[in-house]
Amino acid sequence: MGTTRKTITVTDQQDEWIKAQIEAGGFTNDSEYVRDLIRRDQARSAEIEAVRAELIKGEASGEPRPFDAARFKQDMTAKHAKKAR
């Protein structure tokens, strides 16, 4: 994997935060911290896209049907009570 050198500007407060994260032992340098933030943002974006895709899938599945919560609970209790024995 190739790398690209970037120059970024942060506020003094942000710089102190980054330094504190490094001093706490979580990271060895500024670049490692920034790369971790990017990885976390990428993971978060992927999760959001997965939720969006499921919402679209749900909307496309048709009209909603009535849901009987009491019946569902009764069915699940009966189903899982058999497994516990």
PDB file of N, CA and C in Angstrom:
ATOM      1  N   MET A   1       0.854  -1.169   0.000  1.00  0.00           N
ATOM      2  CA  MET A   1       0.000   0.000   0.000  1.00  0.00           C
ATOM      3  C   MET A   1       0.901   1.232   0.000  1.00  0.00           C
ATOM      4  N   GLY A   2       0.685   2.109  -0.928  1.00  0.00           N
ATOM      5  CA  GLY A   2       1.468   3.333  -1.019  1.00  0.00           C
ATOM      6  C   GLY A   2       1.045   4.344   0.024  1.00  0.00           C
ATOM      7  N   THR A   3       1.866   5.318   0.233  1.00  0.00           N
ATOM      8  CA  THR A   3       1.532   6.388   1.176  1.00  0.00           C
ATOM      9  C   THR A   3       1.680   7.736   0.495  1.00  0.00           C
ATOM     10  N   THR A   4       0.958   8.704   1.004  1.00  0.00           N
ATOM     11  CA  THR A   4       1.025  10.073   0.511  1.00  0.00           C
ATOM     12  C   THR A   4       1.258  10.982   1.704  1.00  0.00           C
ATOM     13  N   ARG A   5       2.179  11.865   1.584  1.00  0.00           N
ATOM     14  CA  ARG A   5       2.461  12.807   2.662  1.00  0.00           C
ATOM     15  C   ARG A   5       1.461  13.959   2.582  1.00  0.00           C
ATOM     16  N   LYS A   6       0.874  14.310   3.719  1.00  0.00           N
ATOM     17  CA  LYS A   6      -0.096  15.401   3.815  1.00  0.00           C
ATOM     18  C   LYS A   6       0.350  16.370   4.899  1.00  0.00           C
ATOM     19  N   THR A   7       0.020  17.605   4.729  1.00  0.00           N
ATOM     20  CA  THR A   7       0.248  18.608   5.755  1.00  0.00           C
ATOM     21  C   THR A   7      -1.119  19.085   6.215  1.00  0.00           C
ATOM     22  N   ILE A   8      -1.354  19.049   7.523  1.00  0.00           N
ATOM     23  CA  ILE A   8      -2.637  19.508   8.056  1.00  0.00           C
ATOM     24  C   ILE A   8      -2.387  20.591   9.098  1.00  0.00           C
ATOM     25  N   THR A   9      -3.397  21.392   9.328  1.00  0.00           N
ATOM     26  CA  THR A   9      -3.321  22.434  10.341  1.00  0.00           C
ATOM     27  C   THR A   9      -4.382  22.148  11.387  1.00  0.00           C
ATOM     28  N   VAL A  10      -3.983  22.169  12.646  1.00  0.00           N
ATOM     29  CA  VAL A  10      -4.915  21.963  13.748  1.00  0.00           C
ATOM     30  C   VAL A  10      -4.773  23.124  14.717  1.00  0.00           C
ATOM     31  N   THR A  11      -5.787  23.327  15.532  1.00  0.00           N
ATOM     32  CA  THR A  11      -5.716  24.382  16.548  1.00  0.00           C
ATOM     33  C   THR A  11      -4.777  23.936  17.659  1.00  0.00           C
ATOM     34  N   ASP A  12      -4.388  24.875  18.501  1.00  0.00           N
ATOM     35  CA  ASP A  12      -3.536  24.535  19.646  1.00  0.00           C
ATOM     36  C   ASP A  12      -4.230  23.508  20.552  1.00  0.00           C
ATOM     37  N   GLN A  13      -5.521  23.697  20.743  1.00  0.00           N
ATOM     38  CA  GLN A  13      -6.289  22.769  21.582  1.00  0.00           C
ATOM     39  C   GLN A  13      -6.293  21.373  20.968  1.00  0.00           C
ATOM     40  N   GLN A  14      -6.479  21.271  19.672  1.00  0.00           N
ATOM     41  CA  GLN A  14      -6.456  19.973  19.004  1.00  0.00           C
ATOM     42  C   GLN A  14      -5.074  19.329  19.083  1.00  0.00           C
ATOM     43  N   ASP A  15      -4.029  20.155  18.942  1.00  0.00           N
ATOM     44  CA  ASP A  15      -2.667  19.644  19.040  1.00  0.00           C
ATOM     45  C   ASP A  15      -2.404  19.069  20.431  1.00  0.00           C
ATOM     46  N   GLU A  16      -2.873  19.773  21.457  1.00  0.00           N
ATOM     47  CA  GLU A  16      -2.709  19.271  22.827  1.00  0.00           C
ATOM     48  C   GLU A  16      -3.455  17.954  23.015  1.00  0.00           C
ATOM     49  N   TRP A  17      -4.623  17.847  22.414  1.00  0.00           N
ATOM     50  CA  TRP A  17      -5.410  16.608  22.502  1.00  0.00           C
ATOM     51  C   TRP A  17      -4.644  15.453  21.857  1.00  0.00           C
ATOM     52  N   ILE A  18      -4.114  15.687  20.669  1.00  0.00           N
ATOM     53  CA  ILE A  18      -3.354  14.653  19.970  1.00  0.00           C
ATOM     54  C   ILE A  18      -2.144  14.234  20.806  1.00  0.00           C
ATOM     55  N   LYS A  19      -1.429  15.204  21.340  1.00  0.00           N
ATOM     56  CA  LYS A  19      -0.258  14.903  22.177  1.00  0.00           C
ATOM     57  C   LYS A  19      -0.652  14.076  23.398  1.00  0.00           C
ATOM     58  N   ALA A  20      -1.795  14.402  23.991  1.00  0.00           N
ATOM     59  CA  ALA A  20      -2.266  13.654  25.160  1.00  0.00           C
ATOM     60  C   ALA A  20      -2.580  12.197  24.799  1.00  0.00           C
ATOM     61  N   GLN A  21      -3.136  11.996  23.621  1.00  0.00           N
ATOM     62  CA  GLN A  21      -3.449  10.630  23.182  1.00  0.00           C
ATOM     63  C   GLN A  21      -2.162   9.828  22.990  1.00  0.00           C
ATOM     64  N   ILE A  22      -1.153  10.476  22.461  1.00  0.00           N
ATOM     65  CA  ILE A  22       0.136   9.817  22.247  1.00  0.00           C
ATOM     66  C   ILE A  22       0.797   9.531  23.598  1.00  0.00           C
ATOM     67  N   GLU A  23       0.783  10.496  24.497  1.00  0.00           N
ATOM     68  CA  GLU A  23       1.390  10.315  25.815  1.00  0.00           C
ATOM     69  C   GLU A  23       0.696   9.220  26.616  1.00  0.00           C
ATOM     70  N   ALA A  24      -0.603   9.057  26.392  1.00  0.00           N
ATOM     71  CA  ALA A  24      -1.358   8.015  27.093  1.00  0.00           C
ATOM     72  C   ALA A  24      -0.991   6.624  26.584  1.00  0.00           C
ATOM     73  N   GLY A  25      -0.221   6.571  25.504  1.00  0.00           N
ATOM     74  CA  GLY A  25       0.232   5.285  24.999  1.00  0.00           C
ATOM     75  C   GLY A  25      -0.638   4.672  23.923  1.00  0.00           C
ATOM     76  N   GLY A  26      -1.667   5.369  23.528  1.00  0.00           N
ATOM     77  CA  GLY A  26      -2.548   4.817  22.508  1.00  0.00           C
ATOM     78  C   GLY A  26      -1.966   4.865  21.114  1.00  0.00           C
ATOM     79  N   PHE A  27      -1.045   5.784  20.898  1.00  0.00           N
ATOM     80  CA  PHE A  27      -0.471   5.989  19.570  1.00  0.00           C
ATOM     81  C   PHE A  27       0.997   6.358  19.717  1.00  0.00           C
ATOM     82  N   THR A  28       1.759   6.105  18.663  1.00  0.00           N
ATOM     83  CA  THR A  28       3.187   6.423  18.732  1.00  0.00           C
ATOM     84  C   THR A  28       3.511   7.790  18.134  1.00  0.00           C
ATOM     85  N   ASN A  29       2.617   8.314  17.274  1.00  0.00           N
ATOM     86  CA  ASN A  29       2.865   9.627  16.680  1.00  0.00           C
ATOM     87  C   ASN A  29       1.570  10.219  16.127  1.00  0.00           C
ATOM     88  N   ASP A  30       1.647  11.459  15.684  1.00  0.00           N
ATOM     89  CA  ASP A  30       0.468  12.168  15.158  1.00  0.00           C
ATOM     90  C   ASP A  30      -0.166  11.428  13.988  1.00  0.00           C
ATOM     91  N   SER A  31       0.658  10.944  13.093  1.00  0.00           N
ATOM     92  CA  SER A  31       0.151  10.279  11.889  1.00  0.00           C
ATOM     93  C   SER A  31      -0.661   9.041  12.232  1.00  0.00           C
ATOM     94  N   GLU A  32      -0.166   8.269  13.201  1.00  0.00           N
ATOM     95  CA  GLU A  32      -0.893   7.062  13.602  1.00  0.00           C
ATOM     96  C   GLU A  32      -2.268   7.429  14.159  1.00  0.00           C
ATOM     97  N   TYR A  33      -2.321   8.495  14.937  1.00  0.00           N
ATOM     98  CA  TYR A  33      -3.594   8.945  15.501  1.00  0.00           C
ATOM     99  C   TYR A  33      -4.564   9.370  14.398  1.00  0.00           C
ATOM    100  N   VAL A  34      -4.094  10.155  13.454  1.00  0.00           N
ATOM    101  CA  VAL A  34      -4.949  10.622  12.363  1.00  0.00           C
ATOM    102  C   VAL A  34      -5.422   9.439  11.511  1.00  0.00           C
ATOM    103  N   ARG A  35      -4.533   8.491  11.233  1.00  0.00           N
ATOM    104  CA  ARG A  35      -4.944   7.316  10.448  1.00  0.00           C
ATOM    105  C   ARG A  35      -6.019   6.520  11.182  1.00  0.00           C
ATOM    106  N   ASP A  36      -5.896   6.435  12.517  1.00  0.00           N
ATOM    107  CA  ASP A  36      -6.916   5.735  13.295  1.00  0.00           C
ATOM    108  C   ASP A  36      -8.259   6.446  13.195  1.00  0.00           C
ATOM    109  N   LEU A  37      -8.234   7.771  13.263  1.00  0.00           N
ATOM    110  CA  LEU A  37      -9.486   8.527  13.112  1.00  0.00           C
ATOM    111  C   LEU A  37     -10.120   8.272  11.751  1.00  0.00           C
ATOM    112  N   ILE A  38      -9.302   8.221  10.710  1.00  0.00           N
ATOM    113  CA  ILE A  38      -9.813   7.980   9.359  1.00  0.00           C
ATOM    114  C   ILE A  38     -10.411   6.578   9.270  1.00  0.00           C
ATOM    115  N   ARG A  39      -9.723   5.584   9.824  1.00  0.00           N
ATOM    116  CA  ARG A  39     -10.254   4.204   9.799  1.00  0.00           C
ATOM    117  C   ARG A  39     -11.597   4.130  10.515  1.00  0.00           C
ATOM    118  N   ARG A  40     -11.686   4.795  11.675  1.00  0.00           N
ATOM    119  CA  ARG A  40     -12.952   4.772  12.410  1.00  0.00           C
ATOM    120  C   ARG A  40     -14.067   5.466  11.631  1.00  0.00           C
ATOM    121  N   ASP A  41     -13.745   6.563  10.972  1.00  0.00           N
ATOM    122  CA  ASP A  41     -14.735   7.272  10.162  1.00  0.00           C
ATOM    123  C   ASP A  41     -15.184   6.413   8.987  1.00  0.00           C
ATOM    124  N   GLN A  42     -14.247   5.704   8.374  1.00  0.00           N
ATOM    125  CA  GLN A  42     -14.597   4.810   7.267  1.00  0.00           C
ATOM    126  C   GLN A  42     -15.524   3.699   7.745  1.00  0.00           C
ATOM    127  N   ALA A  43     -15.223   3.119   8.909  1.00  0.00           N
ATOM    128  CA  ALA A  43     -16.070   2.056   9.462  1.00  0.00           C
ATOM    129  C   ALA A  43     -17.466   2.591   9.774  1.00  0.00           C
ATOM    130  N   ARG A  44     -17.527   3.780  10.353  1.00  0.00           N
ATOM    131  CA  ARG A  44     -18.822   4.400  10.677  1.00  0.00           C
ATOM    132  C   ARG A  44     -19.631   4.658   9.409  1.00  0.00           C
ATOM    133  N   SER A  45     -18.970   5.145   8.381  1.00  0.00           N
ATOM    134  CA  SER A  45     -19.657   5.391   7.107  1.00  0.00           C
ATOM    135  C   SER A  45     -20.177   4.098   6.506  1.00  0.00           C
ATOM    136  N   ALA A  46     -19.395   3.032   6.610  1.00  0.00           N
ATOM    137  CA  ALA A  46     -19.840   1.731   6.090  1.00  0.00           C
ATOM    138  C   ALA A  46     -21.062   1.230   6.855  1.00  0.00           C
ATOM    139  N   GLU A  47     -21.065   1.423   8.181  1.00  0.00           N
ATOM    140  CA  GLU A  47     -22.221   1.017   8.981  1.00  0.00           C
ATOM    141  C   GLU A  47     -23.463   1.813   8.588  1.00  0.00           C
ATOM    142  N   ILE A  48     -23.310   3.107   8.388  1.00  0.00           N
ATOM    143  CA  ILE A  48     -24.440   3.949   7.990  1.00  0.00           C
ATOM    144  C   ILE A  48     -24.977   3.504   6.638  1.00  0.00           C
ATOM    145  N   GLU A  49     -24.099   3.220   5.705  1.00  0.00           N
ATOM    146  CA  GLU A  49     -24.531   2.758   4.383  1.00  0.00           C
ATOM    147  C   GLU A  49     -25.251   1.427   4.471  1.00  0.00           C
ATOM    148  N   ALA A  50     -24.794   0.535   5.355  1.00  0.00           N
ATOM    149  CA  ALA A  50     -25.465  -0.758   5.532  1.00  0.00           C
ATOM    150  C   ALA A  50     -26.875  -0.561   6.072  1.00  0.00           C
ATOM    151  N   VAL A  51     -27.032   0.357   7.019  1.00  0.00           N
ATOM    152  CA  VAL A  51     -28.363   0.646   7.569  1.00  0.00           C
ATOM    153  C   VAL A  51     -29.244   1.247   6.480  1.00  0.00           C
ATOM    154  N   ARG A  52     -28.699   2.176   5.706  1.00  0.00           N
ATOM    155  CA  ARG A  52     -29.477   2.777   4.612  1.00  0.00           C
ATOM    156  C   ARG A  52     -29.947   1.719   3.629  1.00  0.00           C
ATOM    157  N   ALA A  53     -29.049   0.805   3.271  1.00  0.00           N
ATOM    158  CA  ALA A  53     -29.409  -0.255   2.322  1.00  0.00           C
ATOM    159  C   ALA A  53     -30.536  -1.120   2.878  1.00  0.00           C
ATOM    160  N   GLU A  54     -30.477  -1.434   4.167  1.00  0.00           N
ATOM    161  CA  GLU A  54     -31.542  -2.239   4.772  1.00  0.00           C
ATOM    162  C   GLU A  54     -32.855  -1.467   4.843  1.00  0.00           C
ATOM    163  N   LEU A  55     -32.785  -0.165   5.090  1.00  0.00           N
ATOM    164  CA  LEU A  55     -34.006   0.642   5.099  1.00  0.00           C
ATOM    165  C   LEU A  55     -34.653   0.667   3.714  1.00  0.00           C
ATOM    166  N   ILE A  56     -33.830   0.823   2.702  1.00  0.00           N
ATOM    167  CA  ILE A  56     -34.344   0.812   1.324  1.00  0.00           C
ATOM    168  C   ILE A  56     -34.957  -0.545   1.011  1.00  0.00           C
ATOM    169  N   LYS A  57     -34.279  -1.592   1.421  1.00  0.00           N
ATOM    170  CA  LYS A  57     -34.791  -2.955   1.209  1.00  0.00           C
ATOM    171  C   LYS A  57     -36.140  -3.133   1.914  1.00  0.00           C
ATOM    172  N   GLY A  58     -36.234  -2.627   3.144  1.00  0.00           N
ATOM    173  CA  GLY A  58     -37.486  -2.728   3.891  1.00  0.00           C
ATOM    174  C   GLY A  58     -38.611  -1.952   3.232  1.00  0.00           C
ATOM    175  N   GLU A  59     -38.302  -0.741   2.764  1.00  0.00           N
ATOM    176  CA  GLU A  59     -39.319   0.060   2.092  1.00  0.00           C
ATOM    177  C   GLU A  59     -39.801  -0.603   0.811  1.00  0.00           C
ATOM    178  N   ALA A  60     -38.908  -1.287   0.132  1.00  0.00           N
ATOM    179  CA  ALA A  60     -39.256  -1.935  -1.135  1.00  0.00           C
ATOM    180  C   ALA A  60     -39.972  -3.269  -0.933  1.00  0.00           C
ATOM    181  N   SER A  61     -40.028  -3.761   0.307  1.00  0.00           N
ATOM    182  CA  SER A  61     -40.605  -5.086   0.549  1.00  0.00           C
ATOM    183  C   SER A  61     -42.126  -5.104   0.537  1.00  0.00           C
ATOM    184  N   GLY A  62     -42.743  -3.952   0.460  1.00  0.00           N
ATOM    185  CA  GLY A  62     -44.205  -3.927   0.379  1.00  0.00           C
ATOM    186  C   GLY A  62     -44.824  -3.237   1.573  1.00  0.00           C
ATOM    187  N   GLU A  63     -46.120  -3.304   1.605  1.00  0.00           N
ATOM    188  CA  GLU A  63     -46.876  -2.669   2.679  1.00  0.00           C
ATOM    189  C   GLU A  63     -46.656  -3.396   4.005  1.00  0.00           C
ATOM    190  N   PRO A  64     -46.646  -2.644   5.095  1.00  0.00           N
ATOM    191  CA  PRO A  64     -46.466  -3.294   6.405  1.00  0.00           C
ATOM    192  C   PRO A  64     -47.678  -4.139   6.766  1.00  0.00           C
ATOM    193  N   ARG A  65     -47.397  -5.185   7.517  1.00  0.00           N
ATOM    194  CA  ARG A  65     -48.469  -6.061   8.003  1.00  0.00           C
ATOM    195  C   ARG A  65     -48.648  -5.823   9.489  1.00  0.00           C
ATOM    196  N   PRO A  66     -49.855  -6.050  10.005  1.00  0.00           N
ATOM    197  CA  PRO A  66     -50.080  -5.874  11.449  1.00  0.00           C
ATOM    198  C   PRO A  66     -49.148  -6.793  12.251  1.00  0.00           C
ATOM    199  N   PHE A  67     -48.704  -6.308  13.397  1.00  0.00           N
ATOM    200  CA  PHE A  67     -47.819  -7.083  14.253  1.00  0.00           C
ATOM    201  C   PHE A  67     -48.486  -7.286  15.596  1.00  0.00           C
ATOM    202  N   ASP A  68     -48.635  -8.541  15.981  1.00  0.00           N
ATOM    203  CA  ASP A  68     -49.251  -8.892  17.261  1.00  0.00           C
ATOM    204  C   ASP A  68     -48.123  -9.208  18.244  1.00  0.00           C
ATOM    205  N   ALA A  69     -47.758  -8.219  19.059  1.00  0.00           N
ATOM    206  CA  ALA A  69     -46.631  -8.365  19.984  1.00  0.00           C
ATOM    207  C   ALA A  69     -46.879  -9.485  20.994  1.00  0.00           C
ATOM    208  N   ALA A  70     -48.100  -9.588  21.494  1.00  0.00           N
ATOM    209  CA  ALA A  70     -48.406 -10.632  22.480  1.00  0.00           C
ATOM    210  C   ALA A  70     -48.234 -12.018  21.859  1.00  0.00           C
ATOM    211  N   ARG A  71     -48.688 -12.172  20.647  1.00  0.00           N
ATOM    212  CA  ARG A  71     -48.557 -13.462  19.949  1.00  0.00           C
ATOM    213  C   ARG A  71     -47.087 -13.771  19.673  1.00  0.00           C
ATOM    214  N   PHE A  72     -46.337 -12.780  19.258  1.00  0.00           N
ATOM    215  CA  PHE A  72     -44.906 -12.961  18.994  1.00  0.00           C
ATOM    216  C   PHE A  72     -44.192 -13.419  20.264  1.00  0.00           C
ATOM    217  N   LYS A  73     -44.473 -12.754  21.379  1.00  0.00           N
ATOM    218  CA  LYS A  73     -43.846 -13.114  22.648  1.00  0.00           C
ATOM    219  C   LYS A  73     -44.220 -14.546  23.045  1.00  0.00           C
ATOM    220  N   GLN A  74     -45.462 -14.887  22.857  1.00  0.00           N
ATOM    221  CA  GLN A  74     -45.927 -16.232  23.182  1.00  0.00           C
ATOM    222  C   GLN A  74     -45.206 -17.271  22.310  1.00  0.00           C
ATOM    223  N   ASP A  75     -45.101 -17.008  21.025  1.00  0.00           N
ATOM    224  CA  ASP A  75     -44.417 -17.931  20.111  1.00  0.00           C
ATOM    225  C   ASP A  75     -42.939 -18.085  20.469  1.00  0.00           C
ATOM    226  N   MET A  76     -42.287 -16.983  20.773  1.00  0.00           N
ATOM    227  CA  MET A  76     -40.856 -17.035  21.109  1.00  0.00           C
ATOM    228  C   MET A  76     -40.616 -17.750  22.428  1.00  0.00           C
ATOM    229  N   THR A  77     -41.485 -17.505  23.395  1.00  0.00           N
ATOM    230  CA  THR A  77     -41.362 -18.187  24.686  1.00  0.00           C
ATOM    231  C   THR A  77     -41.516 -19.687  24.492  1.00  0.00           C
ATOM    232  N   ALA A  78     -42.512 -20.087  23.709  1.00  0.00           N
ATOM    233  CA  ALA A  78     -42.720 -21.518  23.461  1.00  0.00           C
ATOM    234  C   ALA A  78     -41.541 -22.118  22.701  1.00  0.00           C
ATOM    235  N   LYS A  79     -41.050 -21.423  21.719  1.00  0.00           N
ATOM    236  CA  LYS A  79     -39.949 -21.928  20.902  1.00  0.00           C
ATOM    237  C   LYS A  79     -38.672 -22.077  21.709  1.00  0.00           C
ATOM    238  N   HIS A  80     -38.329 -21.062  22.495  1.00  0.00           N
ATOM    239  CA  HIS A  80     -37.059 -21.087  23.214  1.00  0.00           C
ATOM    240  C   HIS A  80     -37.127 -21.846  24.527  1.00  0.00           C
ATOM    241  N   ALA A  81     -38.329 -22.015  25.065  1.00  0.00           N
ATOM    242  CA  ALA A  81     -38.475 -22.804  26.291  1.00  0.00           C
ATOM    243  C   ALA A  81     -38.165 -24.270  25.995  1.00  0.00           C
ATOM    244  N   LYS A  82     -38.478 -24.738  24.796  1.00  0.00           N
ATOM    245  CA  LYS A  82     -38.198 -26.129  24.405  1.00  0.00           C
ATOM    246  C   LYS A  82     -36.692 -26.362  24.336  1.00  0.00           C
ATOM    247  N   LYS A  83     -35.937 -25.381  23.846  1.00  0.00           N
ATOM    248  CA  LYS A  83     -34.482 -25.520  23.699  1.00  0.00           C
ATOM    249  C   LYS A  83     -33.782 -25.530  25.046  1.00  0.00           C
ATOM    250  N   ALA A  84     -34.352 -24.836  26.039  1.00  0.00           N
ATOM    251  CA  ALA A  84     -33.711 -24.710  27.336  1.00  0.00           C
ATOM    252  C   ALA A  84     -33.819 -25.991  28.142  1.00  0.00           C
ATOM    253  N   ARG A  85     -34.734 -26.845  27.811  1.00  0.00           N
ATOM    254  CA  ARG A  85     -34.955 -28.078  28.583  1.00  0.00           C
ATOM    255  C   ARG A  85     -33.936 -29.116  28.319  1.00  0.00           C
TER     256      ARG A  85
END
